Each structure stands twice: as structure tokens, then as C-alpha cells.
Amino acid sequence: MRRLTDVAYWEKNWWSEKRPERLWLYRDLDLEHVRLLQSAAGTRASLVIELGAGSSRILPYLGRKFGYKVCGSDFSLAGCRLLRANLALQKVNGNVICEDLFQSSLKSQTFDMVYSSGLIEHFDDTRAVVAAHRRLLKPGGRLVLTVPNLQGYQGSIMRRLAPALWDVHRVFGPEELATLLKEMDFEQIRWGYLGSFFIRILRSNDWSVVRAWSPWVQQMVCSSMRLANGLISLGFRLSPWRPHSRLLSPMFFASGAKRSE
């Protein structure tokens, strides 16, 4: 199995300029994400872990809002520090474990729900990564995997404007992931798209084509995109109509229950 990223990639490109922050549910993507996880986790006594949880805002929200016992794991020390800060900001007690997913100290069959968001697509062997998630699940526990949807407009934009970022993602869809869960003996499988609209264009180093533009063009395009995302997402958040789709949705998911042995 080959990793498409390493620790240095995350600490340089993602965590270096981030600060502690809360999750605000003004985007319909975040609302649907939380609803998906809540339905999978079940009762307040559930023990929940997020893998690849560096700087997560969702995990502290789940602990504060629903009372779950939460744990986060990531191989980046900087990402773990941000997760601890986000937990403290929400006044949530949670365990943070800084370790490699494939050399985990966590006991097998421990958690009621295991989930990750934007993790499994950074490996060339999806089955091996899902197996590492599955190992931690209790029999009957639920797995939830959410992944950036790069088969729609966001993927076309990323491939053109951020080729380096495109190269560290394995591109696939929810049907393929659901089929894999079925092959791995999960049951009660669900899959679909998350979010009605959200297009990301950034000025970070990975977005090399954007960085080649003049500073004022970069500022205009990125600021306009943020404003459009905010307004459109808020509109869908307040509307009963949420057209999740392959072309426009920013993420997709697949979930299933570990068969009782």
C-alpha cells in the first residue's frame, strides 16, 4: 500500500496557519454531515472515534451536542494539537491519540461508531484503509466514510487549477465504496452525496495555477467564490430542497454496520 501524502504535507499545507474554531451549521453540507453521523452513532452512551481527526470541528460538536464519548486519532502532531484546542474550545472531554493508523495502539472491537472524513482517498489501497477502520468497530457497530466528491465540478476545477492537490487524491465514487463495504461483509449499507453546492478555490501552494495569477485576480476570484459558497449554502440550509448530486455535491458517503460474529 502506498500513501499519497505524508506528515510534512499536512503540517505544511493544512495545519500551519489554522487556529482553533467551532463548527457552525450554516452550510447544508455540515448539517447533513452531522445528521448522518448522529443517525449512525445512536444513543448518548456511544463511544465514537474519528480517524484522521487532525483539526476536526465535527468531533467536538458531536461530543458537546449529543453527549457521545469521543476520541480522535491522527498521525500529525500539529493536527492533534489543533484537535485538542477545538475540544477545549467546546469544553468537551475527549481522547486525542497521535499515531499511525496502521500501527495503532487502540484495542480491536472497541467503538460503537468509527468514521473518517477526507482520509481514505489519500491511499492507493482503499480496502486496506477500510480494514483498519473495521478492526476498531464492535460487532454491530457502524462505519461512516465521507470523501471529497471529485467526479463533479469540484474535481474538474481542482485538476485544472491545483494539479499537485489532484495528484494526492484517489478518485472514486459512492457506488464503488458501497460495493467495497458489501465485499467486506458489512450490512445495512447506505450511500449517497452530501451537500448541495460548495466549490473550493484557494490561494495555497497546492493551487499552483491560481498562484500564478496576479494578486488582485487571486483575491477577487477566491473572495467571490467564498461569498457565493456562503450565500448558496445558506440558502440551501434554510430550504427544504437539497439537491445532492454527483455534479454539485462537495462530498459523498458510504456507511454500514459490522456484522455480529
C-alpha atoms as a PDB file:
ATOM      1  CA  MET A   1       0.000   0.000   0.000  1.00  0.00           C
ATOM      2  CA  ARG A   2       1.249   3.481  -0.854  1.00  0.00           C
ATOM      3  CA  ARG A   3       0.403   6.719   0.940  1.00  0.00           C
ATOM      4  CA  LEU A   4      -0.304   9.657  -1.345  1.00  0.00           C
ATOM      5  CA  THR A   5       0.595  12.140   1.425  1.00  0.00           C
ATOM      6  CA  ASP A   6       2.925  12.254   4.443  1.00  0.00           C
ATOM      7  CA  VAL A   7       3.047  14.131   7.758  1.00  0.00           C
ATOM      8  CA  ALA A   8       5.047  17.010   6.272  1.00  0.00           C
ATOM      9  CA  TYR A   9       2.381  17.567   3.609  1.00  0.00           C
ATOM     10  CA  TRP A  10      -0.364  18.082   6.200  1.00  0.00           C
ATOM     11  CA  GLU A  11       1.669  20.163   8.604  1.00  0.00           C
ATOM     12  CA  LYS A  12       2.928  22.470   5.845  1.00  0.00           C
ATOM     13  CA  ASN A  13      -0.186  22.800   3.708  1.00  0.00           C
ATOM     14  CA  TRP A  14      -3.066  22.451   6.152  1.00  0.00           C
ATOM     15  CA  TRP A  15      -2.240  22.940   9.823  1.00  0.00           C
ATOM     16  CA  SER A  16       0.436  25.669   9.746  1.00  0.00           C
ATOM     17  CA  GLU A  17      -1.940  28.646   9.577  1.00  0.00           C
ATOM     18  CA  LYS A  18      -5.059  27.173  11.204  1.00  0.00           C
ATOM     19  CA  ARG A  19      -6.432  28.350  14.523  1.00  0.00           C
ATOM     20  CA  PRO A  20      -8.946  26.704  16.899  1.00  0.00           C
ATOM     21  CA  GLU A  21     -12.502  27.001  15.590  1.00  0.00           C
ATOM     22  CA  ARG A  22     -16.059  25.833  16.193  1.00  0.00           C
ATOM     23  CA  LEU A  23     -18.415  24.112  13.785  1.00  0.00           C
ATOM     24  CA  TRP A  24     -21.244  26.407  12.677  1.00  0.00           C
ATOM     25  CA  LEU A  25     -24.069  24.709  10.781  1.00  0.00           C
ATOM     26  CA  TYR A  26     -24.787  27.462   8.253  1.00  0.00           C
ATOM     27  CA  ARG A  27     -23.770  25.159   5.362  1.00  0.00           C
ATOM     28  CA  ASP A  28     -26.145  22.391   4.375  1.00  0.00           C
ATOM     29  CA  LEU A  29     -23.057  20.145   3.912  1.00  0.00           C
ATOM     30  CA  ASP A  30     -22.213  20.427   7.616  1.00  0.00           C
ATOM     31  CA  LEU A  31     -25.843  19.935   8.664  1.00  0.00           C
ATOM     32  CA  GLU A  32     -26.188  16.769   6.564  1.00  0.00           C
ATOM     33  CA  HIS A  33     -22.799  15.510   7.759  1.00  0.00           C
ATOM     34  CA  VAL A  34     -23.807  15.831  11.400  1.00  0.00           C
ATOM     35  CA  ARG A  35     -27.207  14.223  10.754  1.00  0.00           C
ATOM     36  CA  LEU A  36     -25.517  11.278   9.051  1.00  0.00           C
ATOM     37  CA  LEU A  37     -23.151  10.714  11.971  1.00  0.00           C
ATOM     38  CA  GLN A  38     -25.859  11.139  14.588  1.00  0.00           C
ATOM     39  CA  SER A  39     -28.075   8.554  12.921  1.00  0.00           C
ATOM     40  CA  ALA A  40     -25.159   6.106  12.811  1.00  0.00           C
ATOM     41  CA  ALA A  41     -23.901   6.693  16.362  1.00  0.00           C
ATOM     42  CA  GLY A  42     -27.267   6.203  18.074  1.00  0.00           C
ATOM     43  CA  THR A  43     -27.517   6.601  21.842  1.00  0.00           C
ATOM     44  CA  ARG A  44     -25.753   9.178  24.004  1.00  0.00           C
ATOM     45  CA  ALA A  45     -23.626   6.479  25.600  1.00  0.00           C
ATOM     46  CA  SER A  46     -21.939   5.641  22.295  1.00  0.00           C
ATOM     47  CA  LEU A  47     -18.160   5.593  22.059  1.00  0.00           C
ATOM     48  CA  VAL A  48     -17.133   7.355  18.847  1.00  0.00           C
ATOM     49  CA  ILE A  49     -13.760   7.715  17.137  1.00  0.00           C
ATOM     50  CA  GLU A  50     -12.736   9.846  14.168  1.00  0.00           C
ATOM     51  CA  LEU A  51      -9.671   8.631  12.280  1.00  0.00           C
ATOM     52  CA  GLY A  52      -7.582  11.274  10.558  1.00  0.00           C
ATOM     53  CA  ALA A  53      -9.098  13.740  13.023  1.00  0.00           C
ATOM     54  CA  GLY A  54      -6.442  16.483  12.846  1.00  0.00           C
ATOM     55  CA  SER A  55      -8.114  19.880  13.482  1.00  0.00           C
ATOM     56  CA  SER A  56     -11.594  18.295  13.382  1.00  0.00           C
ATOM     57  CA  ARG A  57     -14.516  20.570  14.228  1.00  0.00           C
ATOM     58  CA  ILE A  58     -17.131  17.825  13.875  1.00  0.00           C
ATOM     59  CA  LEU A  59     -15.810  15.563  16.651  1.00  0.00           C
ATOM     60  CA  PRO A  60     -16.054  18.268  19.375  1.00  0.00           C
ATOM     61  CA  TYR A  61     -19.532  19.164  18.107  1.00  0.00           C
ATOM     62  CA  LEU A  62     -20.695  15.556  18.425  1.00  0.00           C
ATOM     63  CA  GLY A  63     -19.372  15.407  21.985  1.00  0.00           C
ATOM     64  CA  ARG A  64     -20.975  18.680  23.050  1.00  0.00           C
ATOM     65  CA  LYS A  65     -24.296  18.406  21.213  1.00  0.00           C
ATOM     66  CA  PHE A  66     -25.098  14.714  21.652  1.00  0.00           C
ATOM     67  CA  GLY A  67     -23.027  13.686  24.664  1.00  0.00           C
ATOM     68  CA  TYR A  68     -21.005  10.982  22.881  1.00  0.00           C
ATOM     69  CA  LYS A  69     -17.738   9.809  24.359  1.00  0.00           C
ATOM     70  CA  VAL A  70     -15.304  10.967  21.690  1.00  0.00           C
ATOM     71  CA  CYS A  71     -11.810  10.024  20.618  1.00  0.00           C
ATOM     72  CA  GLY A  72      -9.689  11.301  17.739  1.00  0.00           C
ATOM     73  CA  SER A  73      -6.614   9.825  16.094  1.00  0.00           C
ATOM     74  CA  ASP A  74      -4.159  11.396  13.641  1.00  0.00           C
ATOM     75  CA  PHE A  75      -0.511  10.891  12.683  1.00  0.00           C
ATOM     76  CA  SER A  76       0.241  14.631  12.646  1.00  0.00           C
ATOM     77  CA  LEU A  77       1.292  16.216  15.939  1.00  0.00           C
ATOM     78  CA  ALA A  78       0.208  19.664  14.736  1.00  0.00           C
ATOM     79  CA  GLY A  79      -3.186  18.265  13.701  1.00  0.00           C
ATOM     80  CA  CYS A  80      -3.628  16.626  17.118  1.00  0.00           C
ATOM     81  CA  ARG A  81      -2.778  19.888  18.882  1.00  0.00           C
ATOM     82  CA  LEU A  82      -5.484  21.659  16.876  1.00  0.00           C
ATOM     83  CA  LEU A  83      -7.990  18.926  17.717  1.00  0.00           C
ATOM     84  CA  ARG A  84      -7.186  19.290  21.429  1.00  0.00           C
ATOM     85  CA  ALA A  85      -7.671  23.054  21.110  1.00  0.00           C
ATOM     86  CA  ASN A  86     -11.027  22.580  19.346  1.00  0.00           C
ATOM     87  CA  LEU A  87     -12.175  20.173  22.061  1.00  0.00           C
ATOM     88  CA  ALA A  88     -11.143  22.667  24.746  1.00  0.00           C
ATOM     89  CA  LEU A  89     -12.950  25.473  22.894  1.00  0.00           C
ATOM     90  CA  GLN A  90     -16.172  23.421  23.063  1.00  0.00           C
ATOM     91  CA  LYS A  91     -15.451  22.348  26.670  1.00  0.00           C
ATOM     92  CA  VAL A  92     -15.541  18.696  25.622  1.00  0.00           C
ATOM     93  CA  ASN A  93     -13.501  15.962  27.258  1.00  0.00           C
ATOM     94  CA  GLY A  94     -12.081  13.663  24.608  1.00  0.00           C
ATOM     95  CA  ASN A  95      -9.069  11.485  23.998  1.00  0.00           C
ATOM     96  CA  VAL A  96      -6.583  12.508  21.294  1.00  0.00           C
ATOM     97  CA  ILE A  97      -4.121   9.889  20.094  1.00  0.00           C
ATOM     98  CA  CYS A  98      -1.191  10.825  17.874  1.00  0.00           C
ATOM     99  CA  GLU A  99      -0.242   7.682  15.980  1.00  0.00           C
ATOM    100  CA  ASP A 100      -0.157   5.962  12.609  1.00  0.00           C
ATOM    101  CA  LEU A 101      -3.465   4.326  11.685  1.00  0.00           C
ATOM    102  CA  PHE A 102      -1.652   1.158  10.609  1.00  0.00           C
ATOM    103  CA  GLN A 103       0.413   0.915  13.809  1.00  0.00           C
ATOM    104  CA  SER A 104      -2.426   1.680  16.176  1.00  0.00           C
ATOM    105  CA  SER A 105      -2.296   1.032  19.912  1.00  0.00           C
ATOM    106  CA  LEU A 106      -6.101   1.023  20.094  1.00  0.00           C
ATOM    107  CA  LYS A 107      -7.782  -2.219  21.079  1.00  0.00           C
ATOM    108  CA  SER A 108      -9.811  -4.031  18.437  1.00  0.00           C
ATOM    109  CA  GLN A 109     -13.623  -4.037  18.607  1.00  0.00           C
ATOM    110  CA  THR A 110     -13.803  -1.025  20.939  1.00  0.00           C
ATOM    111  CA  PHE A 111     -16.014   1.618  19.326  1.00  0.00           C
ATOM    112  CA  ASP A 112     -19.736   1.919  18.585  1.00  0.00           C
ATOM    113  CA  MET A 113     -19.012   4.160  15.602  1.00  0.00           C
ATOM    114  CA  VAL A 114     -15.844   4.682  13.584  1.00  0.00           C
ATOM    115  CA  TYR A 115     -15.753   7.412  10.979  1.00  0.00           C
ATOM    116  CA  SER A 116     -13.360   9.437   8.881  1.00  0.00           C
ATOM    117  CA  SER A 117     -13.767  12.427   6.602  1.00  0.00           C
ATOM    118  CA  GLY A 118     -11.339  13.072   3.769  1.00  0.00           C
ATOM    119  CA  LEU A 119      -8.938  10.278   4.728  1.00  0.00           C
ATOM    120  CA  ILE A 120      -9.308   7.096   2.708  1.00  0.00           C
ATOM    121  CA  GLU A 121      -8.810   8.768  -0.686  1.00  0.00           C
ATOM    122  CA  HIS A 122      -5.179   9.548   0.233  1.00  0.00           C
ATOM    123  CA  PHE A 123      -4.146   5.880  -0.072  1.00  0.00           C
ATOM    124  CA  ASP A 124      -3.859   3.749  -3.179  1.00  0.00           C
ATOM    125  CA  ASP A 125      -5.349   0.687  -1.414  1.00  0.00           C
ATOM    126  CA  THR A 126      -8.804   1.673  -0.179  1.00  0.00           C
ATOM    127  CA  ARG A 127      -9.573  -1.817   1.115  1.00  0.00           C
ATOM    128  CA  ALA A 128      -6.584  -1.784   3.495  1.00  0.00           C
ATOM    129  CA  VAL A 129      -7.619   1.593   4.935  1.00  0.00           C
ATOM    130  CA  VAL A 130     -11.230   0.494   5.419  1.00  0.00           C
ATOM    131  CA  ALA A 131      -9.983  -2.692   7.109  1.00  0.00           C
ATOM    132  CA  ALA A 132      -8.074  -0.534   9.616  1.00  0.00           C
ATOM    133  CA  HIS A 133     -11.358   1.256  10.392  1.00  0.00           C
ATOM    134  CA  ARG A 134     -13.264  -2.027  10.640  1.00  0.00           C
ATOM    135  CA  ARG A 135     -10.811  -3.509  13.151  1.00  0.00           C
ATOM    136  CA  LEU A 136     -11.822  -0.889  15.735  1.00  0.00           C
ATOM    137  CA  LEU A 137     -15.584  -1.492  15.441  1.00  0.00           C
ATOM    138  CA  LYS A 138     -17.598  -3.554  17.870  1.00  0.00           C
ATOM    139  CA  PRO A 139     -19.812  -6.212  16.260  1.00  0.00           C
ATOM    140  CA  GLY A 140     -22.946  -4.336  15.262  1.00  0.00           C
ATOM    141  CA  GLY A 141     -21.085  -1.017  15.310  1.00  0.00           C
ATOM    142  CA  ARG A 142     -21.381   1.393  12.405  1.00  0.00           C
ATOM    143  CA  LEU A 143     -18.753   2.668  10.000  1.00  0.00           C
ATOM    144  CA  VAL A 144     -19.218   6.026   8.236  1.00  0.00           C
ATOM    145  CA  LEU A 145     -16.846   7.180   5.496  1.00  0.00           C
ATOM    146  CA  THR A 146     -17.141  10.612   3.876  1.00  0.00           C
ATOM    147  CA  VAL A 147     -14.960  11.523   0.913  1.00  0.00           C
ATOM    148  CA  PRO A 148     -14.494  14.611  -1.308  1.00  0.00           C
ATOM    149  CA  ASN A 149     -16.561  14.262  -4.479  1.00  0.00           C
ATOM    150  CA  LEU A 150     -14.050  14.806  -7.284  1.00  0.00           C
ATOM    151  CA  GLN A 151     -16.187  13.320 -10.052  1.00  0.00           C
ATOM    152  CA  GLY A 152     -18.174  16.543 -10.379  1.00  0.00           C
ATOM    153  CA  TYR A 153     -17.397  20.210 -10.985  1.00  0.00           C
ATOM    154  CA  GLN A 154     -15.045  20.472  -7.988  1.00  0.00           C
ATOM    155  CA  GLY A 155     -12.840  17.729  -9.404  1.00  0.00           C
ATOM    156  CA  SER A 156     -12.660  19.418 -12.825  1.00  0.00           C
ATOM    157  CA  ILE A 157     -11.636  22.697 -11.194  1.00  0.00           C
ATOM    158  CA  MET A 158      -9.055  21.038  -8.947  1.00  0.00           C
ATOM    159  CA  ARG A 159      -7.485  19.064 -11.777  1.00  0.00           C
ATOM    160  CA  ARG A 160      -7.072  22.252 -13.836  1.00  0.00           C
ATOM    161  CA  LEU A 161      -6.068  24.762 -11.135  1.00  0.00           C
ATOM    162  CA  ALA A 162      -4.424  22.563  -8.466  1.00  0.00           C
ATOM    163  CA  PRO A 163      -2.681  19.626 -10.183  1.00  0.00           C
ATOM    164  CA  ALA A 164      -0.481  18.923  -7.138  1.00  0.00           C
ATOM    165  CA  LEU A 165      -3.558  18.615  -4.936  1.00  0.00           C
ATOM    166  CA  TRP A 166      -5.290  16.423  -7.521  1.00  0.00           C
ATOM    167  CA  ASP A 167      -2.301  14.060  -7.505  1.00  0.00           C
ATOM    168  CA  VAL A 168      -2.670  13.222  -3.792  1.00  0.00           C
ATOM    169  CA  HIS A 169      -6.266  12.036  -4.207  1.00  0.00           C
ATOM    170  CA  ARG A 170      -7.577   8.721  -5.477  1.00  0.00           C
ATOM    171  CA  VAL A 171     -10.778   9.494  -7.387  1.00  0.00           C
ATOM    172  CA  PHE A 172     -13.799   7.209  -6.978  1.00  0.00           C
ATOM    173  CA  GLY A 173     -17.488   7.446  -6.138  1.00  0.00           C
ATOM    174  CA  PRO A 174     -20.028   6.277  -3.554  1.00  0.00           C
ATOM    175  CA  GLU A 175     -21.169   3.242  -5.549  1.00  0.00           C
ATOM    176  CA  GLU A 176     -17.630   1.866  -5.627  1.00  0.00           C
ATOM    177  CA  LEU A 177     -17.221   2.450  -1.899  1.00  0.00           C
ATOM    178  CA  ALA A 178     -20.581   0.823  -1.085  1.00  0.00           C
ATOM    179  CA  THR A 179     -19.589  -2.219  -3.151  1.00  0.00           C
ATOM    180  CA  LEU A 180     -16.357  -2.496  -1.180  1.00  0.00           C
ATOM    181  CA  LEU A 181     -18.258  -2.413   2.137  1.00  0.00           C
ATOM    182  CA  LYS A 182     -20.514  -5.197   0.907  1.00  0.00           C
ATOM    183  CA  GLU A 183     -17.479  -7.283  -0.078  1.00  0.00           C
ATOM    184  CA  MET A 184     -16.040  -6.721   3.411  1.00  0.00           C
ATOM    185  CA  ASP A 185     -19.175  -8.211   4.987  1.00  0.00           C
ATOM    186  CA  PHE A 186     -20.838  -5.015   6.188  1.00  0.00           C
ATOM    187  CA  GLU A 187     -24.622  -4.925   6.262  1.00  0.00           C
ATOM    188  CA  GLN A 188     -27.332  -2.206   6.249  1.00  0.00           C
ATOM    189  CA  ILE A 189     -25.237  -0.319   3.705  1.00  0.00           C
ATOM    190  CA  ARG A 190     -26.183   3.222   2.710  1.00  0.00           C
ATOM    191  CA  TRP A 191     -24.516   5.592   0.259  1.00  0.00           C
ATOM    192  CA  GLY A 192     -25.116   8.938  -1.374  1.00  0.00           C
ATOM    193  CA  TYR A 193     -23.936  12.521  -1.785  1.00  0.00           C
ATOM    194  CA  LEU A 194     -23.560  15.225   0.872  1.00  0.00           C
ATOM    195  CA  GLY A 195     -24.159  18.921   0.348  1.00  0.00           C
ATOM    196  CA  SER A 196     -25.973  20.768  -2.399  1.00  0.00           C
ATOM    197  CA  PHE A 197     -23.197  23.119  -3.547  1.00  0.00           C
ATOM    198  CA  PHE A 198     -19.696  24.120  -2.484  1.00  0.00           C
ATOM    199  CA  ILE A 199     -16.818  24.952  -4.854  1.00  0.00           C
ATOM    200  CA  ARG A 200     -13.377  25.481  -3.300  1.00  0.00           C
ATOM    201  CA  ILE A 201     -10.691  27.664  -4.904  1.00  0.00           C
ATOM    202  CA  LEU A 202      -7.749  28.602  -2.687  1.00  0.00           C
ATOM    203  CA  ARG A 203      -4.520  30.606  -2.812  1.00  0.00           C
ATOM    204  CA  SER A 204      -2.402  27.944  -1.109  1.00  0.00           C
ATOM    205  CA  ASN A 205       0.754  26.498  -2.678  1.00  0.00           C
ATOM    206  CA  ASP A 206      -1.108  23.440  -3.983  1.00  0.00           C
ATOM    207  CA  TRP A 207      -3.208  25.712  -6.199  1.00  0.00           C
ATOM    208  CA  SER A 208      -0.278  26.478  -8.469  1.00  0.00           C
ATOM    209  CA  VAL A 209      -2.292  27.871 -11.398  1.00  0.00           C
ATOM    210  CA  VAL A 210      -4.149  30.246  -9.065  1.00  0.00           C
ATOM    211  CA  ARG A 211      -0.843  31.342  -7.514  1.00  0.00           C
ATOM    212  CA  ALA A 212       0.411  32.292 -10.975  1.00  0.00           C
ATOM    213  CA  TRP A 213      -2.374  34.857 -11.359  1.00  0.00           C
ATOM    214  CA  SER A 214      -1.817  38.462 -10.304  1.00  0.00           C
ATOM    215  CA  PRO A 215      -2.558  39.075  -6.595  1.00  0.00           C
ATOM    216  CA  TRP A 216      -5.664  41.151  -7.276  1.00  0.00           C
ATOM    217  CA  VAL A 217      -7.146  38.451  -9.535  1.00  0.00           C
ATOM    218  CA  GLN A 218      -6.417  35.809  -6.886  1.00  0.00           C
ATOM    219  CA  GLN A 219      -8.114  37.934  -4.243  1.00  0.00           C
ATOM    220  CA  MET A 220     -11.132  38.700  -6.440  1.00  0.00           C
ATOM    221  CA  VAL A 221     -11.731  35.107  -7.551  1.00  0.00           C
ATOM    222  CA  CYS A 222     -11.221  33.497  -4.137  1.00  0.00           C
ATOM    223  CA  SER A 223     -13.246  36.116  -2.268  1.00  0.00           C
ATOM    224  CA  SER A 224     -16.085  35.916  -4.797  1.00  0.00           C
ATOM    225  CA  MET A 225     -16.112  32.130  -4.520  1.00  0.00           C
ATOM    226  CA  ARG A 226     -16.244  32.261  -0.713  1.00  0.00           C
ATOM    227  CA  LEU A 227     -19.133  34.715  -0.845  1.00  0.00           C
ATOM    228  CA  ALA A 228     -21.019  32.628  -3.411  1.00  0.00           C
ATOM    229  CA  ASN A 229     -20.444  29.458  -1.372  1.00  0.00           C
ATOM    230  CA  GLY A 230     -21.702  31.118   1.786  1.00  0.00           C
ATOM    231  CA  LEU A 231     -24.841  32.559   0.231  1.00  0.00           C
ATOM    232  CA  ILE A 232     -25.770  29.476  -1.803  1.00  0.00           C
ATOM    233  CA  SER A 233     -25.045  27.096   1.071  1.00  0.00           C
ATOM    234  CA  LEU A 234     -27.062  29.217   3.491  1.00  0.00           C
ATOM    235  CA  GLY A 235     -29.929  29.289   1.004  1.00  0.00           C
ATOM    236  CA  PHE A 236     -29.963  25.501   0.757  1.00  0.00           C
ATOM    237  CA  ARG A 237     -29.514  25.251   4.526  1.00  0.00           C
ATOM    238  CA  LEU A 238     -32.730  27.202   5.049  1.00  0.00           C
ATOM    239  CA  SER A 239     -34.595  25.460   2.241  1.00  0.00           C
ATOM    240  CA  PRO A 240     -36.305  22.050   2.370  1.00  0.00           C
ATOM    241  CA  TRP A 241     -34.910  21.425  -1.149  1.00  0.00           C
ATOM    242  CA  ARG A 242     -31.396  19.956  -1.057  1.00  0.00           C
ATOM    243  CA  PRO A 243     -30.443  18.584  -4.485  1.00  0.00           C
ATOM    244  CA  HIS A 244     -27.499  16.374  -3.565  1.00  0.00           C
ATOM    245  CA  SER A 245     -25.878  15.263  -6.808  1.00  0.00           C
ATOM    246  CA  ARG A 246     -22.759  13.857  -8.455  1.00  0.00           C
ATOM    247  CA  LEU A 247     -22.081  17.134 -10.276  1.00  0.00           C
ATOM    248  CA  LEU A 248     -22.512  19.684  -7.472  1.00  0.00           C
ATOM    249  CA  SER A 249     -22.199  17.958  -4.089  1.00  0.00           C
ATOM    250  CA  PRO A 250     -18.810  18.543  -2.427  1.00  0.00           C
ATOM    251  CA  MET A 251     -18.727  15.154  -0.684  1.00  0.00           C
ATOM    252  CA  PHE A 252     -20.164  11.653  -0.793  1.00  0.00           C
ATOM    253  CA  PHE A 253     -20.568   8.947   1.837  1.00  0.00           C
ATOM    254  CA  ALA A 254     -20.972   5.243   2.401  1.00  0.00           C
ATOM    255  CA  SER A 255     -21.874   3.609   5.705  1.00  0.00           C
ATOM    256  CA  GLY A 256     -22.598   0.155   7.046  1.00  0.00           C
ATOM    257  CA  ALA A 257     -22.881  -1.978  10.157  1.00  0.00           C
ATOM    258  CA  LYS A 258     -20.274  -4.531  11.127  1.00  0.00           C
ATOM    259  CA  ARG A 259     -21.902  -7.928  11.054  1.00  0.00           C
ATOM    260  CA  SER A 260     -22.245  -9.505  14.506  1.00  0.00           C
ATOM    261  CA  GLU A 261     -19.995 -12.501  14.844  1.00  0.00           C
END
